[in-house]
Each structure stands twice: as structure tokens, then as C-alpha cells.
Amino acid sequence: MAEMQIYDALKVTTVVDSLTLFGFADGDMVSCSKDANNMEAKVDAQGTASAAVNNDNLGTIKIDLAATSPCNKKMVELANTRKQFAIRVINGTETIGGSRAFVEKLPDSGFGKSVGTRSYSIKVLDYSHKIN
């Protein structure tokens, strides 16, 4: 039986357009989600079920940087130029991301008593999640 792994946030790497991000906000640094189900099921009025493969490979990766992170410059540049780029989130043997991604919109910006957060929503056109 395999042993449980020990999580260490220092071992999580987020690479956007060849830049390894740093200076994350407090809380979750990054979160990843496939947008659609892998399979779609339907049931008719008489209870007969059918299923279809859903070939939608869209996904969303949300990155939360501290307002003070130097990486905000690159992320805002990517948003403003609408450039497509590769993105990878790597934690040990787990890799999430894709080769075709873009920043959906500029982050909301707040200024107050403490360091703010800049949240970037990245749409990934060829989202994959693999564990080796």
C-alpha cells in the first residue's frame, strides 16, 4: 500500500508563460478546475439512461497574488495584450494546466489597511490534470 504524501506549499510551482510565480496572497495560492463534466448522462421519462463523452477540455485556474508581488506586472501585461501562453501548476507528481491559456480579465483592485489581493482567472483551452 502506498504511503500518504505530506503536503508542503513550498513545493508547489506555478509557471505562467515561462515565469515561475511568487508573492502569493494569504490563503490559497492557486486553484484549478475543469469547467465541464467528462461524461453527460440523460434519462428518458421511462427510466432508460444514455451517456455521451463530453469533449469539452476547458478549465479555469485562479491565481491569487499579493498586491505587492512583482509578478503582477507580467500578469497585467498578459491580460492587456490578450496573449495566449502555457500554464502549469506542479505539486510533486501532479501537473495541472495546458499549452493554450489566457487571462480572462484584469483583476479587481482594492486598497486598504493591509496588503490587497490580485486574483487572476486564467481560462485554459486544453486543460489537463495528470498524476504520474
N, C-alpha and C. Protein backbone atom coordinates (compact mmCIF):
# COMPACT_ATOMS: atom_id res chain seq x y z
N MET A 1 0.84 -1.18 0.00
CA MET A 1 0.00 0.00 0.00
C MET A 1 0.89 1.25 0.00
N ALA A 2 0.53 2.22 -0.82
CA ALA A 2 1.29 3.47 -0.91
C ALA A 2 1.09 4.30 0.34
N GLU A 3 2.13 5.03 0.70
CA GLU A 3 2.07 5.88 1.88
C GLU A 3 1.49 7.24 1.52
N MET A 4 0.76 7.86 2.45
CA MET A 4 0.22 9.20 2.23
C MET A 4 1.36 10.19 2.07
N GLN A 5 1.21 11.09 1.13
CA GLN A 5 2.20 12.14 0.93
C GLN A 5 1.99 13.25 1.94
N ILE A 6 3.02 14.01 2.19
CA ILE A 6 2.93 15.18 3.07
C ILE A 6 2.95 16.42 2.18
N TYR A 7 1.95 17.26 2.34
CA TYR A 7 1.84 18.48 1.55
C TYR A 7 2.77 19.55 2.08
N ASP A 8 3.43 20.24 1.18
CA ASP A 8 4.30 21.37 1.52
C ASP A 8 4.09 22.44 0.47
N ALA A 9 3.51 23.58 0.84
CA ALA A 9 3.22 24.66 -0.11
C ALA A 9 4.47 25.16 -0.82
N LEU A 10 5.63 25.02 -0.17
CA LEU A 10 6.88 25.45 -0.82
C LEU A 10 7.23 24.60 -2.04
N LYS A 11 6.61 23.43 -2.15
CA LYS A 11 6.90 22.53 -3.28
C LYS A 11 5.90 22.69 -4.43
N VAL A 12 4.96 23.61 -4.29
CA VAL A 12 4.00 23.89 -5.36
C VAL A 12 4.60 24.98 -6.25
N THR A 13 4.64 24.70 -7.55
CA THR A 13 5.20 25.64 -8.52
C THR A 13 4.12 26.00 -9.53
N THR A 14 3.96 27.29 -9.76
CA THR A 14 3.02 27.78 -10.77
C THR A 14 3.83 28.53 -11.82
N VAL A 15 3.79 28.02 -13.06
CA VAL A 15 4.56 28.61 -14.15
C VAL A 15 3.60 29.16 -15.20
N VAL A 16 3.71 30.46 -15.47
CA VAL A 16 2.87 31.15 -16.44
C VAL A 16 3.77 31.77 -17.49
N ASP A 17 3.62 31.35 -18.74
CA ASP A 17 4.41 31.91 -19.84
C ASP A 17 5.91 31.90 -19.49
N SER A 18 6.39 30.79 -18.97
CA SER A 18 7.79 30.55 -18.59
C SER A 18 8.25 31.30 -17.34
N LEU A 19 7.37 32.02 -16.66
CA LEU A 19 7.72 32.71 -15.42
C LEU A 19 7.17 31.92 -14.24
N THR A 20 8.04 31.57 -13.29
CA THR A 20 7.61 30.92 -12.06
C THR A 20 7.10 32.01 -11.11
N LEU A 21 5.82 31.94 -10.80
CA LEU A 21 5.20 32.98 -9.98
C LEU A 21 5.60 32.86 -8.51
N PHE A 22 5.62 34.01 -7.83
CA PHE A 22 5.89 34.08 -6.39
C PHE A 22 5.20 35.33 -5.85
N GLY A 23 5.15 35.43 -4.54
CA GLY A 23 4.48 36.58 -3.92
C GLY A 23 2.98 36.41 -3.90
N PHE A 24 2.54 35.24 -3.46
CA PHE A 24 1.11 34.93 -3.43
C PHE A 24 0.41 35.62 -2.26
N ALA A 25 -0.91 35.73 -2.37
CA ALA A 25 -1.73 36.30 -1.30
C ALA A 25 -1.90 35.27 -0.19
N ASP A 26 -2.37 35.74 0.95
CA ASP A 26 -2.68 34.86 2.07
C ASP A 26 -3.81 33.92 1.68
N GLY A 27 -3.75 32.67 2.09
CA GLY A 27 -4.78 31.69 1.75
C GLY A 27 -4.34 30.84 0.57
N ASP A 28 -5.31 30.41 -0.23
CA ASP A 28 -4.97 29.60 -1.40
C ASP A 28 -4.15 30.41 -2.38
N MET A 29 -3.06 29.82 -2.86
CA MET A 29 -2.22 30.47 -3.86
C MET A 29 -2.84 30.33 -5.24
N VAL A 30 -3.29 29.12 -5.51
CA VAL A 30 -3.82 28.80 -6.83
C VAL A 30 -4.88 27.71 -6.67
N SER A 31 -5.92 27.79 -7.50
CA SER A 31 -6.93 26.74 -7.52
C SER A 31 -7.24 26.40 -8.98
N CYS A 32 -7.52 25.13 -9.22
CA CYS A 32 -7.68 24.62 -10.58
C CYS A 32 -8.99 23.85 -10.69
N SER A 33 -9.68 24.01 -11.84
CA SER A 33 -10.96 23.34 -12.01
C SER A 33 -11.25 23.11 -13.49
N LYS A 34 -11.68 21.90 -13.82
CA LYS A 34 -12.17 21.62 -15.18
C LYS A 34 -13.58 22.19 -15.25
N ASP A 35 -13.91 22.85 -16.36
CA ASP A 35 -15.19 23.54 -16.46
C ASP A 35 -16.37 22.61 -16.67
N ALA A 36 -16.18 21.50 -17.34
CA ALA A 36 -17.31 20.63 -17.70
C ALA A 36 -17.09 19.21 -17.19
N ASN A 37 -18.17 18.45 -17.10
CA ASN A 37 -18.09 17.04 -16.75
C ASN A 37 -17.42 16.25 -17.87
N ASN A 38 -16.79 15.14 -17.53
CA ASN A 38 -16.18 14.26 -18.54
C ASN A 38 -17.24 13.50 -19.33
N MET A 39 -18.34 13.19 -18.68
CA MET A 39 -19.44 12.45 -19.31
C MET A 39 -20.75 13.17 -19.00
N GLU A 40 -21.69 13.07 -19.92
CA GLU A 40 -23.02 13.65 -19.73
C GLU A 40 -24.04 12.52 -19.81
N ALA A 41 -24.93 12.42 -18.84
CA ALA A 41 -25.95 11.38 -18.82
C ALA A 41 -27.34 12.00 -18.92
N LYS A 42 -28.22 11.30 -19.62
CA LYS A 42 -29.63 11.71 -19.75
C LYS A 42 -30.49 10.48 -19.48
N VAL A 43 -31.65 10.71 -18.92
CA VAL A 43 -32.60 9.64 -18.66
C VAL A 43 -33.95 10.06 -19.22
N ASP A 44 -34.57 9.15 -20.01
CA ASP A 44 -35.87 9.49 -20.57
C ASP A 44 -36.98 9.27 -19.53
N ALA A 45 -38.20 9.60 -19.90
CA ALA A 45 -39.33 9.51 -18.98
C ALA A 45 -39.59 8.10 -18.49
N GLN A 46 -39.13 7.09 -19.22
CA GLN A 46 -39.35 5.69 -18.82
C GLN A 46 -38.15 5.11 -18.08
N GLY A 47 -37.17 5.94 -17.78
CA GLY A 47 -36.04 5.49 -16.96
C GLY A 47 -34.86 4.92 -17.73
N THR A 48 -34.88 4.98 -19.05
CA THR A 48 -33.76 4.48 -19.84
C THR A 48 -32.68 5.55 -19.91
N ALA A 49 -31.49 5.17 -19.51
CA ALA A 49 -30.38 6.13 -19.45
C ALA A 49 -29.47 5.98 -20.67
N SER A 50 -28.87 7.08 -21.06
CA SER A 50 -27.84 7.09 -22.09
C SER A 50 -26.76 8.06 -21.65
N ALA A 51 -25.57 7.87 -22.19
CA ALA A 51 -24.46 8.72 -21.81
C ALA A 51 -23.64 9.09 -23.04
N ALA A 52 -22.99 10.23 -22.96
CA ALA A 52 -22.14 10.70 -24.05
C ALA A 52 -20.86 11.26 -23.47
N VAL A 53 -19.78 11.05 -24.19
CA VAL A 53 -18.50 11.64 -23.82
C VAL A 53 -18.59 13.14 -24.09
N ASN A 54 -18.19 13.94 -23.13
CA ASN A 54 -18.13 15.38 -23.30
C ASN A 54 -16.69 15.74 -23.65
N ASN A 55 -16.46 16.24 -24.84
CA ASN A 55 -15.11 16.55 -25.31
C ASN A 55 -14.67 17.97 -24.98
N ASP A 56 -15.39 18.64 -24.11
CA ASP A 56 -15.05 19.99 -23.68
C ASP A 56 -13.84 19.93 -22.76
N ASN A 57 -12.73 20.49 -23.20
CA ASN A 57 -11.49 20.47 -22.42
C ASN A 57 -11.15 21.83 -21.82
N LEU A 58 -12.14 22.69 -21.61
CA LEU A 58 -11.88 23.97 -20.98
C LEU A 58 -11.68 23.79 -19.48
N GLY A 59 -10.82 24.63 -18.92
CA GLY A 59 -10.60 24.64 -17.48
C GLY A 59 -10.29 26.05 -17.03
N THR A 60 -10.32 26.26 -15.72
CA THR A 60 -10.03 27.57 -15.15
C THR A 60 -9.02 27.40 -14.03
N ILE A 61 -8.00 28.23 -14.06
CA ILE A 61 -7.01 28.28 -12.98
C ILE A 61 -7.05 29.68 -12.39
N LYS A 62 -7.29 29.77 -11.10
CA LYS A 62 -7.35 31.06 -10.40
C LYS A 62 -6.07 31.24 -9.61
N ILE A 63 -5.40 32.35 -9.84
CA ILE A 63 -4.14 32.67 -9.16
C ILE A 63 -4.36 33.91 -8.31
N ASP A 64 -4.02 33.81 -7.02
CA ASP A 64 -4.14 34.94 -6.10
C ASP A 64 -2.74 35.43 -5.72
N LEU A 65 -2.39 36.60 -6.23
CA LEU A 65 -1.11 37.22 -5.89
C LEU A 65 -1.33 38.35 -4.89
N ALA A 66 -0.35 38.57 -4.05
CA ALA A 66 -0.38 39.75 -3.19
C ALA A 66 -0.23 40.97 -4.08
N ALA A 67 -0.85 42.07 -3.70
CA ALA A 67 -0.75 43.31 -4.48
C ALA A 67 0.70 43.76 -4.61
N THR A 68 1.56 43.34 -3.70
CA THR A 68 2.96 43.74 -3.69
C THR A 68 3.86 42.81 -4.52
N SER A 69 3.31 41.74 -5.09
CA SER A 69 4.12 40.79 -5.85
C SER A 69 4.63 41.40 -7.15
N PRO A 70 5.93 41.26 -7.44
CA PRO A 70 6.46 41.74 -8.71
C PRO A 70 5.84 41.02 -9.91
N CYS A 71 5.24 39.85 -9.69
CA CYS A 71 4.65 39.07 -10.79
C CYS A 71 3.38 39.70 -11.34
N ASN A 72 2.79 40.65 -10.61
CA ASN A 72 1.60 41.34 -11.11
C ASN A 72 1.88 42.05 -12.43
N LYS A 73 3.09 42.57 -12.60
CA LYS A 73 3.44 43.27 -13.83
C LYS A 73 3.28 42.34 -15.03
N LYS A 74 3.80 41.13 -14.95
CA LYS A 74 3.70 40.16 -16.04
C LYS A 74 2.25 39.76 -16.28
N MET A 75 1.50 39.52 -15.20
CA MET A 75 0.11 39.08 -15.33
C MET A 75 -0.76 40.17 -15.97
N VAL A 76 -0.56 41.42 -15.59
CA VAL A 76 -1.31 42.52 -16.19
C VAL A 76 -0.93 42.68 -17.65
N GLU A 77 0.35 42.53 -17.95
CA GLU A 77 0.81 42.59 -19.34
C GLU A 77 0.13 41.50 -20.19
N LEU A 78 0.08 40.27 -19.67
CA LEU A 78 -0.58 39.18 -20.39
C LEU A 78 -2.06 39.49 -20.61
N ALA A 79 -2.71 40.07 -19.60
CA ALA A 79 -4.13 40.42 -19.73
C ALA A 79 -4.33 41.52 -20.78
N ASN A 80 -3.51 42.54 -20.72
CA ASN A 80 -3.66 43.68 -21.62
C ASN A 80 -3.35 43.34 -23.08
N THR A 81 -2.42 42.43 -23.30
CA THR A 81 -2.04 42.06 -24.68
C THR A 81 -2.88 40.91 -25.22
N ARG A 82 -3.67 40.27 -24.35
CA ARG A 82 -4.52 39.14 -24.75
C ARG A 82 -3.69 37.98 -25.31
N LYS A 83 -2.47 37.87 -24.86
CA LYS A 83 -1.56 36.83 -25.34
C LYS A 83 -1.98 35.45 -24.83
N GLN A 84 -1.87 34.44 -25.69
CA GLN A 84 -2.04 33.05 -25.26
C GLN A 84 -0.69 32.55 -24.76
N PHE A 85 -0.72 31.70 -23.73
CA PHE A 85 0.51 31.21 -23.10
C PHE A 85 0.27 29.85 -22.48
N ALA A 86 1.36 29.19 -22.13
CA ALA A 86 1.28 27.91 -21.41
C ALA A 86 1.22 28.19 -19.92
N ILE A 87 0.54 27.31 -19.20
CA ILE A 87 0.46 27.41 -17.74
C ILE A 87 0.56 26.02 -17.15
N ARG A 88 1.29 25.90 -16.05
CA ARG A 88 1.44 24.63 -15.34
C ARG A 88 1.45 24.89 -13.84
N VAL A 89 0.67 24.09 -13.13
CA VAL A 89 0.72 24.06 -11.67
C VAL A 89 1.24 22.68 -11.32
N ILE A 90 2.37 22.64 -10.63
CA ILE A 90 3.06 21.38 -10.36
C ILE A 90 3.23 21.20 -8.86
N ASN A 91 2.80 20.02 -8.38
CA ASN A 91 2.99 19.65 -6.98
C ASN A 91 3.44 18.20 -6.95
N GLY A 92 4.73 17.97 -6.86
CA GLY A 92 5.26 16.61 -6.86
C GLY A 92 4.97 15.93 -8.18
N THR A 93 4.18 14.86 -8.13
CA THR A 93 3.87 14.10 -9.35
C THR A 93 2.60 14.61 -10.03
N GLU A 94 1.98 15.62 -9.49
CA GLU A 94 0.72 16.15 -10.03
C GLU A 94 0.99 17.40 -10.88
N THR A 95 0.46 17.40 -12.11
CA THR A 95 0.61 18.53 -13.01
C THR A 95 -0.75 18.90 -13.60
N ILE A 96 -1.09 20.18 -13.49
CA ILE A 96 -2.37 20.69 -13.99
C ILE A 96 -2.07 21.88 -14.89
N GLY A 97 -2.76 21.99 -16.00
CA GLY A 97 -2.58 23.15 -16.87
C GLY A 97 -2.82 22.84 -18.31
N GLY A 98 -2.16 23.59 -19.18
CA GLY A 98 -2.31 23.42 -20.61
C GLY A 98 -1.37 24.34 -21.36
N SER A 99 -1.34 24.16 -22.67
CA SER A 99 -0.42 24.93 -23.51
C SER A 99 -1.08 26.16 -24.14
N ARG A 100 -2.41 26.27 -24.00
CA ARG A 100 -3.15 27.39 -24.59
C ARG A 100 -4.05 28.01 -23.53
N ALA A 101 -3.61 29.13 -22.98
CA ALA A 101 -4.37 29.79 -21.92
C ALA A 101 -4.31 31.30 -22.10
N PHE A 102 -5.24 31.99 -21.44
CA PHE A 102 -5.22 33.45 -21.47
C PHE A 102 -5.87 33.99 -20.20
N VAL A 103 -5.51 35.22 -19.83
CA VAL A 103 -6.11 35.89 -18.68
C VAL A 103 -7.48 36.40 -19.11
N GLU A 104 -8.53 36.00 -18.38
CA GLU A 104 -9.90 36.38 -18.78
C GLU A 104 -10.16 37.88 -18.65
N LYS A 105 -9.68 38.48 -17.56
CA LYS A 105 -9.86 39.92 -17.38
C LYS A 105 -8.85 40.43 -16.37
N LEU A 106 -8.69 41.73 -16.33
CA LEU A 106 -7.81 42.33 -15.33
C LEU A 106 -8.38 42.08 -13.93
N PRO A 107 -7.53 41.97 -12.91
CA PRO A 107 -8.03 41.69 -11.57
C PRO A 107 -8.71 42.90 -10.95
N ASP A 108 -9.65 42.63 -10.05
CA ASP A 108 -10.20 43.70 -9.24
C ASP A 108 -9.09 44.20 -8.32
N SER A 109 -9.11 45.49 -8.01
CA SER A 109 -8.06 46.06 -7.16
C SER A 109 -8.67 46.81 -6.00
N GLY A 110 -8.23 46.47 -4.80
CA GLY A 110 -8.68 47.16 -3.60
C GLY A 110 -7.47 47.67 -2.84
N PHE A 111 -7.65 48.78 -2.15
CA PHE A 111 -6.56 49.37 -1.38
C PHE A 111 -7.10 49.71 0.00
N GLY A 112 -6.50 49.14 1.02
CA GLY A 112 -7.00 49.34 2.37
C GLY A 112 -5.91 49.26 3.41
N LYS A 113 -6.26 48.71 4.57
CA LYS A 113 -5.37 48.66 5.73
C LYS A 113 -4.23 47.66 5.55
N SER A 114 -4.48 46.57 4.84
CA SER A 114 -3.44 45.54 4.69
C SER A 114 -3.18 45.28 3.21
N VAL A 115 -2.22 44.40 2.94
CA VAL A 115 -1.84 44.07 1.57
C VAL A 115 -3.04 43.45 0.86
N GLY A 116 -3.38 44.00 -0.27
CA GLY A 116 -4.51 43.51 -1.04
C GLY A 116 -4.17 42.27 -1.85
N THR A 117 -5.19 41.71 -2.50
CA THR A 117 -5.04 40.53 -3.33
C THR A 117 -5.40 40.88 -4.76
N ARG A 118 -4.64 40.36 -5.70
CA ARG A 118 -4.96 40.48 -7.12
C ARG A 118 -5.27 39.06 -7.62
N SER A 119 -6.52 38.82 -7.94
CA SER A 119 -6.97 37.49 -8.39
C SER A 119 -7.08 37.47 -9.90
N TYR A 120 -6.37 36.53 -10.50
CA TYR A 120 -6.37 36.36 -11.95
C TYR A 120 -7.09 35.07 -12.30
N SER A 121 -8.07 35.17 -13.19
CA SER A 121 -8.77 34.00 -13.69
C SER A 121 -8.18 33.67 -15.05
N ILE A 122 -7.60 32.48 -15.14
CA ILE A 122 -6.94 32.04 -16.37
C ILE A 122 -7.83 30.97 -17.01
N LYS A 123 -8.24 31.19 -18.25
CA LYS A 123 -9.00 30.19 -18.99
C LYS A 123 -8.01 29.34 -19.77
N VAL A 124 -8.09 28.02 -19.58
CA VAL A 124 -7.19 27.08 -20.23
C VAL A 124 -7.99 26.31 -21.28
N LEU A 125 -7.57 26.42 -22.53
CA LEU A 125 -8.32 25.83 -23.64
C LEU A 125 -8.08 24.32 -23.79
N ASP A 126 -6.94 23.84 -23.31
CA ASP A 126 -6.60 22.41 -23.41
C ASP A 126 -6.22 21.87 -22.03
N TYR A 127 -7.12 22.10 -21.08
CA TYR A 127 -6.91 21.75 -19.66
C TYR A 127 -6.64 20.25 -19.48
N SER A 128 -5.63 19.95 -18.69
CA SER A 128 -5.36 18.55 -18.33
C SER A 128 -4.92 18.48 -16.88
N HIS A 129 -5.16 17.33 -16.26
CA HIS A 129 -4.79 17.08 -14.88
C HIS A 129 -4.20 15.67 -14.86
N LYS A 130 -2.91 15.59 -14.55
CA LYS A 130 -2.22 14.29 -14.59
C LYS A 130 -1.47 14.06 -13.29
N ILE A 131 -1.45 12.79 -12.88
CA ILE A 131 -0.64 12.37 -11.75
C ILE A 131 0.21 11.19 -12.23
N ASN A 132 1.51 11.35 -12.13
CA ASN A 132 2.44 10.30 -12.56
C ASN A 132 2.65 9.29 -11.45
